[in-house]
Amino acid sequence: MESFLRYCKNYLRCLNQFTEVHVVLGNESADLDSAVATLVTALFLYQGRSGLNHVVLPVLNVLRKDFNLRTEVNYFLKDANISPDLLIFKDEIDLEKLKKDNKLFLILVDHNVLSLEQQLLEDSVVRVIDHHKPESKDRGERCDTTIEMVGSCCTLVAEKLFNTNPDIIDKQVAMLLYGTILLDTVCLSQEAKRLTSKDVEMVTKLETVLEDVKRVEIFEALQKAKFDVSGLTVNEMLRKDLKVIEGNGFRIAISSIPGPLEDLEVKPKVRDYLEEFLTQNNYHGLVILAVSFDNKTGKVQRQTAVYSTNPVIKEQIVATLQVAEEPQLELKPLNVRVADLVCFSQGNVLASRKVLLPLVQSVIQDPSFSNHVTKALKVEAEIPSVFVGCFSSAETKDDLGDFDPLSPEFGESNTNSPYSGSASATPALSLGIAGEPLSSQSSSTQNSCPYTPQNSFVDDSFDLNNAMMKHSSFLPSFNSRDMVEKIEKKRGKLAGFDRECEASGMRGLSFTPKNSFADCSLDLYEPPKVLTIESNELLEKVREKKASLGTHQQYPDEFQQDKNLLNVEEKVSHLFLELNTANRSEDSSDVSVGEISFDTSKSCSPGEVSNGSEVQPPENIHE
C-alpha cells in the first residue's frame, strides 16, 4: 500500500502526461469506511489497469486541514504504517480541469451521488460502489454500479477483491478492511440492525488472512479513537463527520458527533459557535446527530438536535423528523441548555444518518417549503434592525404618502426626504451616543434611532454595525400610517381630549412623546369632584329621619346636648332661608342659590358659614 501511495503522489505532479486519470473519490464525511474503501479500491484498480497511458489516484473528499478531525482515521492509518503525507485530498487536485481536458474518469465509493459543489463532475462518473439507498434513478444505466444495503462499504470492496484478485489482500489490506467493517457494524452486533450475512462472511474470510485477531480489542480501540474529541473545538467537532444536503438554494449540514448532546452545555459560547459555523459555510440549518456508546450495556444511544437562525427552517425540519413514520424516530424532548438548539433523545437507535438524510432532503426539495421560507425571509428583510421614525403632528395626518420608514431602502437614500428630520448618516450619531446628548423633549422631534439616556451607556463591546448586519430585525413589522393613527387615537382619549383638541388644552398633562401614549385607565389628571346637595333635598331627608325616630327617649344629662339637636327642623329651615336670601344679593359669591356646598377638607361649627360671615345660631343650638 505505501509504495502505491508514493507512486500516486509522484503522478500527481505530472498528470498532463496521461490520457486518462481515474480518480477514486469517497464521500464528504471522509470517515473510516469512506477513507479505507477509497484507498483499497484504488489499489485494486491500479493492479488491474490495462495500459500505461492512464493512472489511478485515491482522493479523500475532504480538505487536508480537516483530516486531523477524523480521529479514528488518523489512528487506524498510523497503526497500519500509512503516513498522512502519502494521502491526496480534494484541495490538492483540480478535478474540474481534468474534466475539461476530457481526462477524468470518476469512481464513487461510499456514496452514489455527488454534492452540489461537485455536480459539474457528474458526466465523468464511470463506476459506483456503495451501501446507501440509491439517489440517482438512471445511475445504473450510465455506469457500472454496485449498490447493496450492507453494514459497510468495505464489505463490498472486500467481496470484489476476494472474487477477482485475492492476491492483493495482504495483512495490511486485510486489517484495514477488517477493522472498518467491525466499527461500522458495532462489532457484528445484531442490535445495530445493519448487520448482514455478507458482513459476517467477509469478516470470517479476512480473519483467515490475519490469524489470531481479537474482534473486541480492535473494535474498542477504534471506538475509543472515534469518540476522543477532547482536543477539538465546537467548530472542529461539527466538521469531523459532516455531510451537506443542497437543493432549491438551501444548504443543510448534517453533522455526526461522538458523545451526548449534554456535553455541549459545558462549552462556553456554544451558541455563538453554532451561528458562526452556519455563517462561515453559508448553511441555512444544522442537524446534529449525537452518538454515544455505553460500555456497560454495550448499547448505542442516539440524540438529535436542530439549529437554525431562521425559525421557519428550524420548525419545518423538526416537524418532519417528529412525524416520520418509515421508520419512526421516536423523538422525545431533551433539555439541553443551549439557546435556539432544539434537542431530542432518539428512541429508535437503529435510525442512523442514512435514515435522517432523506428526511431532511425531502424538506428542502418541497416547493411549498421553499415558498414559505422565501416569504418569511422577505418579510424579515423588510424589518429594520432598529425602529426608526418619530413623527411630528403635521406629518401624521395625510401627507405620509408611500413613505415607509420601515422599508429596507430607508437609510442614505432617504436622508433628503422631508421625513428624515435630523437623522445622522452615522449609526453613532443616530443613536445619540456621540455629540451633544439628547433630552427627552428634544428626542420626540428626532426622526432617528432611539438614543441612549444620559444616565445610561453603550457597552464598548457592542458592535452596532455587526449587530445591524447580523440581525435583520429587533421589532415586528407594522404599517407606519396605521400605527401613527392608532397612537394619535389613543392619545386623544386621554382625560377626555380628542385629536381636534388644541395644544393648550393638553398643557395640564405631563409630556408624552409623539410615538407614545398615556394609558387611559390612569385617573391622575381627573378634575376633583365637589359634593353638592340641594337644600330642599336635605330638608326632606331631615324630616324623614325625624319621622323614623318617633318620640325620643329621655337621655342622661351628659347627653342632653345630643337630645336638643333632635328638635332643629324649624331652626335649620330658618337658617337656610337666611342663607338663600343672602345669596340673592350682589355681594354673595361663595354659596349658590338653592344649594349648599360642603367643604369636607376642614371642620366648622354649626355657627360658621363658608362665605366668611358668622351667623349666630339659635340660642338652644349648641356649638
Foldseek 3Di string as FASTA:
>chain_A
DQVLLQVQVVCLVPVVQAQAEEEEEEDQQLELLRVLLQVLVQVVVQVVDDDDRYHYAREYAYDPVLPVLRQLNVVLCVVLVHDPVSHHYPVSHDQVVCVVSVHYAYEYFQDADDAPVCNVCVLRYAEYQHQFDDPDPCSVVRHHYHYHNAQGSLLVVLVVCVVPPVPVDALSSLVSSLLRLCQSCVNVDVVLVRHDPSSVVSNVVSCVRNDPDDSVVSNVVSVVSRQPCVPPDLLSQQSNRWDWADDPHAIEIEGEGEDDPLVCQPHPPSLVVVVVSCVVVVHQKYKYWYWYADPVVRDIWIKIKIAGPQVLLRVLLVVLLCPDVVPNQCWDFDDHPDPRITMTTGPPSSCDVSNSVVSSNVQRHDVVSSVVSVVVVVQLLLAFAFDFFQDDPVCLDPPCPPDFCSGNPNAPVCCPPPRQQPADNDPCVLQQVDDDRDDPVVVLRHRGGHHADPVDHDDPVDDVVVSRVVGSHDDHDDGPNVLLVVQQQQQCLAQPHHNPDDPVVCVVDDDDRSNGHDHNVDCPPPDDDFDKDFPVVVLVVLVVVLVVCPDDDDDDPVCVLVVLVNPCNVQVVVVLVVVLVVCVDPVDDDADHRIGTDDPPDDDDPQDDPVGDGDDGPPSNDD
